[in-house]
């Protein structure tokens, strides 16, 4: 998929270059008075369409690369070769926390590194809060009910 999008990217880039050359040639012909100025609209419109299409290709390729990285990380977790490949969350380490260091919540090979698929800083901060702070009793009961409903609990 990414290779196909790379080929499309190269083709669109070449097409954009050809369009710029055509626009330049058209501008020269308009300047000389050989053709009407309205013909300049053709390469400009084509260039605009190519820019929009090229942007879609960039976005699709970026999305495909993110998906590949996401699934490769999942496969690495299944193969138990994930350690050291993710965000360790060292900035959340708190030596005063009652259990964070004992349970290896943060650092290389930590629970944070194993679980985190967050792509933003606020997402990482939320996961760190979930790991460090206990949930309220009402929230725990709601979660236990959800587990029972899924048929995974007693």
N, C-alpha and C. Protein backbone atom coordinates (compact mmCIF):
# COMPACT_ATOMS: atom_id res chain seq x y z
N UNK A 1 0.83 -1.19 0.00
CA UNK A 1 0.00 0.00 0.00
C UNK A 1 0.87 1.26 0.00
N UNK A 2 1.86 1.30 0.90
CA UNK A 2 2.72 2.48 0.97
C UNK A 2 3.53 2.62 -0.31
N UNK A 3 3.98 1.50 -0.85
CA UNK A 3 4.76 1.55 -2.09
C UNK A 3 3.92 2.11 -3.24
N UNK A 4 2.66 1.70 -3.30
CA UNK A 4 1.76 2.20 -4.34
C UNK A 4 1.55 3.70 -4.19
N UNK A 5 1.40 4.15 -2.93
CA UNK A 5 1.23 5.58 -2.68
C UNK A 5 2.52 6.35 -2.99
N UNK A 6 3.67 5.73 -2.77
CA UNK A 6 4.94 6.38 -3.14
C UNK A 6 5.03 6.58 -4.66
N UNK A 7 4.58 5.57 -5.41
CA UNK A 7 4.58 5.69 -6.87
C UNK A 7 3.63 6.80 -7.31
N UNK A 8 2.43 6.83 -6.71
CA UNK A 8 1.47 7.90 -7.04
C UNK A 8 2.04 9.27 -6.69
N UNK A 9 2.71 9.36 -5.56
CA UNK A 9 3.32 10.61 -5.13
C UNK A 9 4.32 11.09 -6.18
N UNK A 10 5.18 10.19 -6.66
CA UNK A 10 6.17 10.57 -7.67
C UNK A 10 5.49 11.00 -8.96
N UNK A 11 4.45 10.31 -9.36
CA UNK A 11 3.75 10.67 -10.60
C UNK A 11 3.07 12.03 -10.49
N UNK A 12 2.44 12.28 -9.36
CA UNK A 12 1.76 13.56 -9.18
C UNK A 12 2.79 14.69 -9.11
N UNK A 13 3.92 14.45 -8.46
CA UNK A 13 4.97 15.48 -8.40
C UNK A 13 5.47 15.80 -9.81
N UNK A 14 5.66 14.78 -10.61
CA UNK A 14 6.10 15.00 -11.99
C UNK A 14 5.01 15.73 -12.78
N UNK A 15 3.77 15.38 -12.56
CA UNK A 15 2.66 16.05 -13.25
C UNK A 15 2.57 17.52 -12.86
N UNK A 16 2.83 17.79 -11.60
CA UNK A 16 2.81 19.19 -11.16
C UNK A 16 3.93 19.98 -11.85
N UNK A 17 5.09 19.36 -11.98
CA UNK A 17 6.21 20.03 -12.66
C UNK A 17 5.86 20.31 -14.13
N UNK A 18 5.28 19.30 -14.78
CA UNK A 18 4.88 19.48 -16.19
C UNK A 18 3.83 20.59 -16.30
N UNK A 19 2.94 20.66 -15.33
CA UNK A 19 1.91 21.70 -15.35
C UNK A 19 2.53 23.09 -15.17
N UNK A 20 3.53 23.19 -14.30
CA UNK A 20 4.21 24.48 -14.13
C UNK A 20 4.92 24.88 -15.43
N UNK A 21 5.55 23.92 -16.08
CA UNK A 21 6.22 24.21 -17.35
C UNK A 21 5.20 24.64 -18.40
N UNK A 22 4.06 23.95 -18.44
CA UNK A 22 3.00 24.31 -19.40
C UNK A 22 2.45 25.70 -19.10
N UNK A 23 2.30 26.02 -17.81
CA UNK A 23 1.81 27.35 -17.45
C UNK A 23 2.81 28.42 -17.86
N UNK A 24 4.08 28.13 -17.69
CA UNK A 24 5.12 29.09 -18.09
C UNK A 24 5.10 29.29 -19.61
N UNK A 25 5.01 28.21 -20.35
CA UNK A 25 4.95 28.30 -21.81
C UNK A 25 3.71 29.07 -22.25
N UNK A 26 2.59 28.79 -21.60
CA UNK A 26 1.35 29.50 -21.93
C UNK A 26 1.49 30.99 -21.62
N UNK A 27 2.12 31.31 -20.49
CA UNK A 27 2.31 32.72 -20.12
C UNK A 27 3.18 33.44 -21.14
N UNK A 28 4.20 32.76 -21.64
CA UNK A 28 5.06 33.37 -22.66
C UNK A 28 4.26 33.63 -23.93
N UNK A 29 3.43 32.64 -24.34
CA UNK A 29 2.61 32.82 -25.55
C UNK A 29 1.58 33.94 -25.37
N UNK A 30 1.03 34.05 -24.17
CA UNK A 30 0.08 35.15 -23.90
C UNK A 30 0.82 36.48 -23.96
N UNK A 31 2.01 36.55 -23.40
CA UNK A 31 2.79 37.78 -23.39
C UNK A 31 3.15 38.23 -24.81
N UNK A 32 3.43 37.25 -25.67
CA UNK A 32 3.75 37.57 -27.07
C UNK A 32 2.50 37.94 -27.87
N UNK A 33 1.33 37.63 -27.31
CA UNK A 33 0.08 37.94 -28.01
C UNK A 33 -0.36 36.85 -28.96
N UNK A 34 0.27 35.67 -28.88
CA UNK A 34 -0.08 34.57 -29.78
C UNK A 34 -1.41 33.92 -29.41
N UNK A 35 -1.73 33.89 -28.13
CA UNK A 35 -2.97 33.25 -27.68
C UNK A 35 -3.64 34.15 -26.64
N UNK A 36 -4.88 33.83 -26.35
CA UNK A 36 -5.65 34.61 -25.39
C UNK A 36 -5.22 34.27 -23.95
N UNK A 37 -5.36 35.23 -23.06
CA UNK A 37 -4.96 35.07 -21.67
C UNK A 37 -5.82 34.07 -20.90
N UNK A 38 -7.02 33.82 -21.40
CA UNK A 38 -7.90 32.87 -20.72
C UNK A 38 -7.33 31.45 -20.70
N UNK A 39 -6.46 31.16 -21.65
CA UNK A 39 -5.86 29.82 -21.68
C UNK A 39 -4.93 29.57 -20.50
N UNK A 40 -4.51 30.64 -19.82
CA UNK A 40 -3.70 30.46 -18.60
C UNK A 40 -4.49 29.77 -17.50
N UNK A 41 -5.80 29.86 -17.57
CA UNK A 41 -6.63 29.22 -16.55
C UNK A 41 -6.51 27.69 -16.59
N UNK A 42 -6.28 27.14 -17.76
CA UNK A 42 -6.23 25.67 -17.89
C UNK A 42 -5.11 25.08 -17.04
N UNK A 43 -3.84 25.50 -17.21
CA UNK A 43 -2.80 24.90 -16.37
C UNK A 43 -2.97 25.26 -14.88
N UNK A 44 -3.53 26.44 -14.60
CA UNK A 44 -3.74 26.81 -13.20
C UNK A 44 -4.77 25.91 -12.52
N UNK A 45 -5.86 25.62 -13.23
CA UNK A 45 -6.89 24.74 -12.68
C UNK A 45 -6.34 23.32 -12.53
N UNK A 46 -5.62 22.85 -13.54
CA UNK A 46 -5.02 21.52 -13.47
C UNK A 46 -4.06 21.44 -12.29
N UNK A 47 -3.24 22.50 -12.12
CA UNK A 47 -2.30 22.51 -11.01
C UNK A 47 -3.04 22.46 -9.68
N UNK A 48 -4.11 23.21 -9.54
CA UNK A 48 -4.91 23.21 -8.31
C UNK A 48 -5.48 21.83 -8.01
N UNK A 49 -6.01 21.18 -9.04
CA UNK A 49 -6.55 19.83 -8.85
C UNK A 49 -5.44 18.87 -8.42
N UNK A 50 -4.28 18.98 -9.03
CA UNK A 50 -3.14 18.12 -8.67
C UNK A 50 -2.69 18.37 -7.23
N UNK A 51 -2.70 19.62 -6.79
CA UNK A 51 -2.31 19.93 -5.41
C UNK A 51 -3.27 19.26 -4.43
N UNK A 52 -4.56 19.36 -4.69
CA UNK A 52 -5.56 18.73 -3.81
C UNK A 52 -5.39 17.21 -3.80
N UNK A 53 -5.20 16.62 -4.95
CA UNK A 53 -5.02 15.17 -5.06
C UNK A 53 -3.72 14.74 -4.38
N UNK A 54 -2.67 15.53 -4.54
CA UNK A 54 -1.39 15.22 -3.93
C UNK A 54 -1.51 15.25 -2.40
N UNK A 55 -2.25 16.21 -1.89
CA UNK A 55 -2.47 16.29 -0.45
C UNK A 55 -3.19 15.03 0.06
N UNK A 56 -4.15 14.56 -0.68
CA UNK A 56 -4.85 13.32 -0.29
C UNK A 56 -3.89 12.14 -0.27
N UNK A 57 -2.99 12.10 -1.21
CA UNK A 57 -2.00 11.01 -1.25
C UNK A 57 -1.08 11.11 -0.03
N UNK A 58 -0.62 12.32 0.30
CA UNK A 58 0.22 12.50 1.49
C UNK A 58 -0.50 12.00 2.73
N UNK A 59 -1.77 12.38 2.88
CA UNK A 59 -2.52 11.98 4.06
C UNK A 59 -2.74 10.47 4.09
N UNK A 60 -3.06 9.88 2.96
CA UNK A 60 -3.27 8.43 2.91
C UNK A 60 -1.98 7.68 3.24
N UNK A 61 -0.87 8.18 2.73
CA UNK A 61 0.41 7.52 3.01
C UNK A 61 0.76 7.64 4.49
N UNK A 62 0.55 8.81 5.07
CA UNK A 62 0.83 8.99 6.50
C UNK A 62 -0.05 8.08 7.34
N UNK A 63 -1.31 7.96 6.96
CA UNK A 63 -2.24 7.08 7.68
C UNK A 63 -1.81 5.62 7.56
N UNK A 64 -1.39 5.22 6.37
CA UNK A 64 -0.93 3.84 6.16
C UNK A 64 0.33 3.56 6.98
N UNK A 65 1.25 4.51 7.03
CA UNK A 65 2.47 4.31 7.82
C UNK A 65 2.16 4.21 9.30
N UNK A 66 1.21 5.03 9.78
CA UNK A 66 0.82 4.94 11.20
C UNK A 66 0.18 3.60 11.50
N UNK A 67 -0.67 3.12 10.58
CA UNK A 67 -1.32 1.82 10.78
C UNK A 67 -0.28 0.70 10.81
N UNK A 68 0.68 0.76 9.92
CA UNK A 68 1.74 -0.26 9.89
C UNK A 68 2.51 -0.25 11.20
N UNK A 69 2.87 0.94 11.67
CA UNK A 69 3.61 1.04 12.93
C UNK A 69 2.78 0.52 14.10
N UNK A 70 1.48 0.83 14.10
CA UNK A 70 0.59 0.36 15.16
C UNK A 70 0.52 -1.17 15.19
N UNK A 71 0.34 -1.77 14.03
CA UNK A 71 0.24 -3.23 13.98
C UNK A 71 1.58 -3.90 14.24
N UNK A 72 2.68 -3.30 13.80
CA UNK A 72 3.99 -3.86 14.12
C UNK A 72 4.25 -3.82 15.62
N UNK A 73 3.81 -2.74 16.27
CA UNK A 73 3.95 -2.66 17.73
C UNK A 73 3.11 -3.73 18.41
N UNK A 74 1.91 -3.96 17.91
CA UNK A 74 1.07 -5.02 18.46
C UNK A 74 1.69 -6.40 18.27
N UNK A 75 2.27 -6.63 17.10
CA UNK A 75 2.94 -7.91 16.86
C UNK A 75 4.15 -8.08 17.76
N UNK A 76 4.86 -6.99 17.99
CA UNK A 76 6.02 -7.04 18.90
C UNK A 76 5.58 -7.37 20.32
N UNK A 77 4.42 -6.85 20.73
CA UNK A 77 3.91 -7.18 22.06
C UNK A 77 3.54 -8.65 22.14
N UNK A 78 2.94 -9.17 21.08
CA UNK A 78 2.58 -10.59 21.07
C UNK A 78 3.82 -11.48 21.10
N UNK A 79 4.87 -11.05 20.42
CA UNK A 79 6.11 -11.82 20.37
C UNK A 79 7.00 -11.54 21.57
N UNK A 80 6.56 -10.70 22.47
CA UNK A 80 7.30 -10.32 23.67
C UNK A 80 8.64 -9.68 23.31
N UNK A 81 8.65 -8.91 22.25
CA UNK A 81 9.87 -8.20 21.86
C UNK A 81 9.62 -6.69 21.84
N UNK A 82 8.71 -6.23 22.67
CA UNK A 82 8.30 -4.83 22.69
C UNK A 82 9.21 -3.95 23.53
N UNK A 83 9.96 -4.54 24.46
CA UNK A 83 10.71 -3.76 25.42
C UNK A 83 11.74 -2.86 24.73
N UNK A 84 11.68 -1.58 25.08
CA UNK A 84 12.61 -0.60 24.52
C UNK A 84 12.15 0.02 23.22
N UNK A 85 10.99 -0.36 22.72
CA UNK A 85 10.54 0.17 21.42
C UNK A 85 9.47 1.24 21.56
N UNK A 86 8.98 1.48 22.77
CA UNK A 86 7.93 2.47 22.96
C UNK A 86 8.38 3.61 23.84
N UNK A 87 7.44 4.44 24.19
CA UNK A 87 7.69 5.57 25.08
C UNK A 87 7.76 5.05 26.52
N UNK A 88 8.91 5.21 27.21
CA UNK A 88 9.04 4.66 28.56
C UNK A 88 8.30 5.46 29.62
N UNK A 89 8.00 6.72 29.37
CA UNK A 89 7.28 7.52 30.34
C UNK A 89 8.13 7.95 31.52
N UNK A 90 9.43 8.08 31.31
CA UNK A 90 10.33 8.47 32.40
C UNK A 90 9.93 9.79 33.05
N UNK A 91 9.33 10.69 32.29
CA UNK A 91 8.97 11.99 32.86
C UNK A 91 7.86 11.88 33.91
N UNK A 92 7.18 10.74 33.96
CA UNK A 92 6.12 10.55 34.94
C UNK A 92 6.61 9.84 36.21
N UNK A 93 7.86 9.43 36.20
CA UNK A 93 8.41 8.72 37.35
C UNK A 93 8.35 9.62 38.58
N UNK A 94 7.91 9.04 39.69
CA UNK A 94 7.80 9.77 40.95
C UNK A 94 8.33 8.85 42.05
N UNK A 95 9.53 9.15 42.55
CA UNK A 95 10.15 8.30 43.56
C UNK A 95 9.41 8.33 44.89
N UNK A 96 8.55 9.30 45.09
CA UNK A 96 7.77 9.40 46.32
C UNK A 96 6.46 8.62 46.25
N UNK A 97 6.11 8.13 45.05
CA UNK A 97 4.85 7.38 44.89
C UNK A 97 4.96 6.06 45.62
N UNK A 98 3.87 5.63 46.30
CA UNK A 98 3.96 4.43 47.15
C UNK A 98 4.25 3.11 46.40
N UNK A 99 3.85 3.00 45.13
CA UNK A 99 4.05 1.71 44.45
C UNK A 99 4.58 1.81 43.03
N UNK A 100 4.78 3.00 42.51
CA UNK A 100 5.17 3.16 41.10
C UNK A 100 6.49 2.47 40.78
N UNK A 101 7.47 2.60 41.65
CA UNK A 101 8.77 1.98 41.37
C UNK A 101 8.73 0.47 41.59
N UNK A 102 7.98 0.01 42.60
CA UNK A 102 7.89 -1.43 42.87
C UNK A 102 7.23 -2.18 41.72
N UNK A 103 6.25 -1.56 41.08
CA UNK A 103 5.52 -2.21 39.99
C UNK A 103 6.07 -1.86 38.61
N UNK A 104 7.16 -1.12 38.56
CA UNK A 104 7.75 -0.70 37.29
C UNK A 104 6.71 -0.05 36.38
N UNK A 105 6.05 0.96 36.92
CA UNK A 105 5.04 1.65 36.13
C UNK A 105 5.65 2.49 35.01
N UNK A 106 6.86 3.04 35.26
CA UNK A 106 7.49 3.93 34.28
C UNK A 106 8.95 3.54 34.10
N UNK A 107 9.45 3.77 32.89
CA UNK A 107 10.83 3.46 32.55
C UNK A 107 10.89 2.41 31.46
N UNK A 108 12.10 2.01 31.10
CA UNK A 108 12.28 1.01 30.05
C UNK A 108 11.73 -0.33 30.53
N UNK A 109 10.90 -0.96 29.71
CA UNK A 109 10.29 -2.24 30.06
C UNK A 109 9.16 -2.12 31.06
N UNK A 110 8.60 -0.93 31.19
CA UNK A 110 7.56 -0.67 32.19
C UNK A 110 6.17 -0.98 31.65
N UNK A 111 5.22 -0.96 32.58
CA UNK A 111 3.82 -1.14 32.20
C UNK A 111 3.37 0.00 31.29
N UNK A 112 3.85 1.20 31.55
CA UNK A 112 3.51 2.33 30.70
C UNK A 112 3.97 2.09 29.27
N UNK A 113 5.20 1.62 29.11
CA UNK A 113 5.73 1.36 27.76
C UNK A 113 4.92 0.26 27.06
N UNK A 114 4.52 -0.74 27.79
CA UNK A 114 3.75 -1.84 27.21
C UNK A 114 2.36 -1.38 26.77
N UNK A 115 1.71 -0.57 27.60
CA UNK A 115 0.32 -0.19 27.32
C UNK A 115 0.15 1.01 26.41
N UNK A 116 1.09 1.92 26.43
CA UNK A 116 0.88 3.21 25.77
C UNK A 116 0.89 3.10 24.24
N UNK A 117 -0.23 3.48 23.67
CA UNK A 117 -0.33 3.68 22.23
C UNK A 117 -0.77 5.12 21.97
N UNK A 118 -0.62 5.96 23.00
CA UNK A 118 -1.01 7.37 22.89
C UNK A 118 -0.13 8.07 21.86
N UNK A 119 -0.76 8.96 21.11
CA UNK A 119 -0.02 9.72 20.09
C UNK A 119 0.15 11.17 20.49
N UNK A 120 -0.46 11.55 21.62
CA UNK A 120 -0.36 12.93 22.07
C UNK A 120 0.12 12.98 23.50
N UNK A 121 0.66 14.12 23.88
CA UNK A 121 1.13 14.32 25.24
C UNK A 121 -0.02 14.21 26.25
N UNK A 122 -1.19 14.82 25.98
CA UNK A 122 -2.30 14.66 26.93
C UNK A 122 -2.74 13.19 27.08
N UNK A 123 -2.67 12.42 26.00
CA UNK A 123 -3.01 11.01 26.10
C UNK A 123 -2.05 10.26 27.00
N UNK A 124 -0.76 10.56 26.87
CA UNK A 124 0.24 9.93 27.74
C UNK A 124 0.03 10.35 29.19
N UNK A 125 -0.29 11.63 29.40
CA UNK A 125 -0.53 12.12 30.76
C UNK A 125 -1.74 11.43 31.39
N UNK A 126 -2.78 11.18 30.58
CA UNK A 126 -3.96 10.51 31.11
C UNK A 126 -3.63 9.07 31.50
N UNK A 127 -2.90 8.35 30.66
CA UNK A 127 -2.51 6.98 30.99
C UNK A 127 -1.66 6.97 32.26
N UNK A 128 -0.74 7.91 32.41
CA UNK A 128 0.09 8.00 33.61
C UNK A 128 -0.77 8.23 34.85
N UNK A 129 -1.78 9.09 34.73
CA UNK A 129 -2.69 9.33 35.87
C UNK A 129 -3.46 8.07 36.22
N UNK A 130 -3.93 7.35 35.20
CA UNK A 130 -4.66 6.11 35.46
C UNK A 130 -3.78 5.09 36.18
N UNK A 131 -2.51 5.05 35.83
CA UNK A 131 -1.60 4.09 36.46
C UNK A 131 -1.22 4.52 37.88
N UNK A 132 -1.10 5.81 38.12
CA UNK A 132 -0.62 6.29 39.42
C UNK A 132 -1.72 6.54 40.44
N UNK A 133 -2.88 6.95 39.99
CA UNK A 133 -3.94 7.33 40.92
C UNK A 133 -5.03 6.27 40.94
N UNK A 134 -5.46 5.89 42.14
CA UNK A 134 -6.55 4.90 42.20
C UNK A 134 -7.86 5.50 41.71
N UNK A 135 -8.69 4.66 41.12
CA UNK A 135 -9.99 5.11 40.64
C UNK A 135 -10.93 5.23 41.84
N UNK A 136 -11.92 6.11 41.76
CA UNK A 136 -12.92 6.20 42.84
C UNK A 136 -13.70 4.88 42.92
N UNK A 137 -14.23 4.61 44.10
CA UNK A 137 -14.95 3.34 44.34
C UNK A 137 -16.11 3.17 43.36
N UNK A 138 -16.83 4.25 43.07
CA UNK A 138 -17.96 4.15 42.14
C UNK A 138 -17.49 3.73 40.75
N UNK A 139 -16.35 4.26 40.31
CA UNK A 139 -15.81 3.90 39.00
C UNK A 139 -15.37 2.44 38.97
N UNK A 140 -14.80 1.97 40.06
CA UNK A 140 -14.38 0.57 40.14
C UNK A 140 -15.58 -0.36 40.01
N UNK A 141 -16.68 -0.01 40.68
CA UNK A 141 -17.90 -0.83 40.59
C UNK A 141 -18.45 -0.84 39.17
N UNK A 142 -18.42 0.31 38.49
CA UNK A 142 -18.89 0.38 37.11
C UNK A 142 -18.03 -0.51 36.21
N UNK A 143 -16.72 -0.47 36.42
CA UNK A 143 -15.82 -1.30 35.62
C UNK A 143 -16.05 -2.79 35.89
N UNK A 144 -16.26 -3.14 37.15
CA UNK A 144 -16.52 -4.55 37.47
C UNK A 144 -17.81 -5.03 36.84
N UNK A 145 -18.83 -4.18 36.83
CA UNK A 145 -20.08 -4.54 36.17
C UNK A 145 -19.88 -4.72 34.67
N UNK A 146 -19.07 -3.88 34.07
CA UNK A 146 -18.80 -4.00 32.63
C UNK A 146 -18.09 -5.32 32.33
N UNK A 147 -17.16 -5.71 33.20
CA UNK A 147 -16.46 -6.98 33.00
C UNK A 147 -17.43 -8.15 33.15
N UNK A 148 -18.27 -8.09 34.15
CA UNK A 148 -19.27 -9.16 34.32
C UNK A 148 -20.20 -9.25 33.10
N UNK A 149 -20.59 -8.09 32.57
CA UNK A 149 -21.47 -8.05 31.41
C UNK A 149 -20.81 -8.68 30.19
N UNK A 150 -19.52 -8.53 30.07
CA UNK A 150 -18.79 -9.14 28.97
C UNK A 150 -18.59 -10.64 29.17
N UNK A 151 -18.92 -11.13 30.34
CA UNK A 151 -18.79 -12.55 30.62
C UNK A 151 -17.39 -12.97 30.97
N UNK A 152 -16.58 -11.99 31.37
CA UNK A 152 -15.21 -12.29 31.71
C UNK A 152 -15.00 -12.42 33.21
N UNK A 153 -15.99 -12.07 34.01
CA UNK A 153 -15.84 -12.09 35.45
C UNK A 153 -16.79 -13.08 36.10
N UNK A 154 -16.74 -13.16 37.44
CA UNK A 154 -17.61 -14.10 38.17
C UNK A 154 -19.07 -13.73 38.13
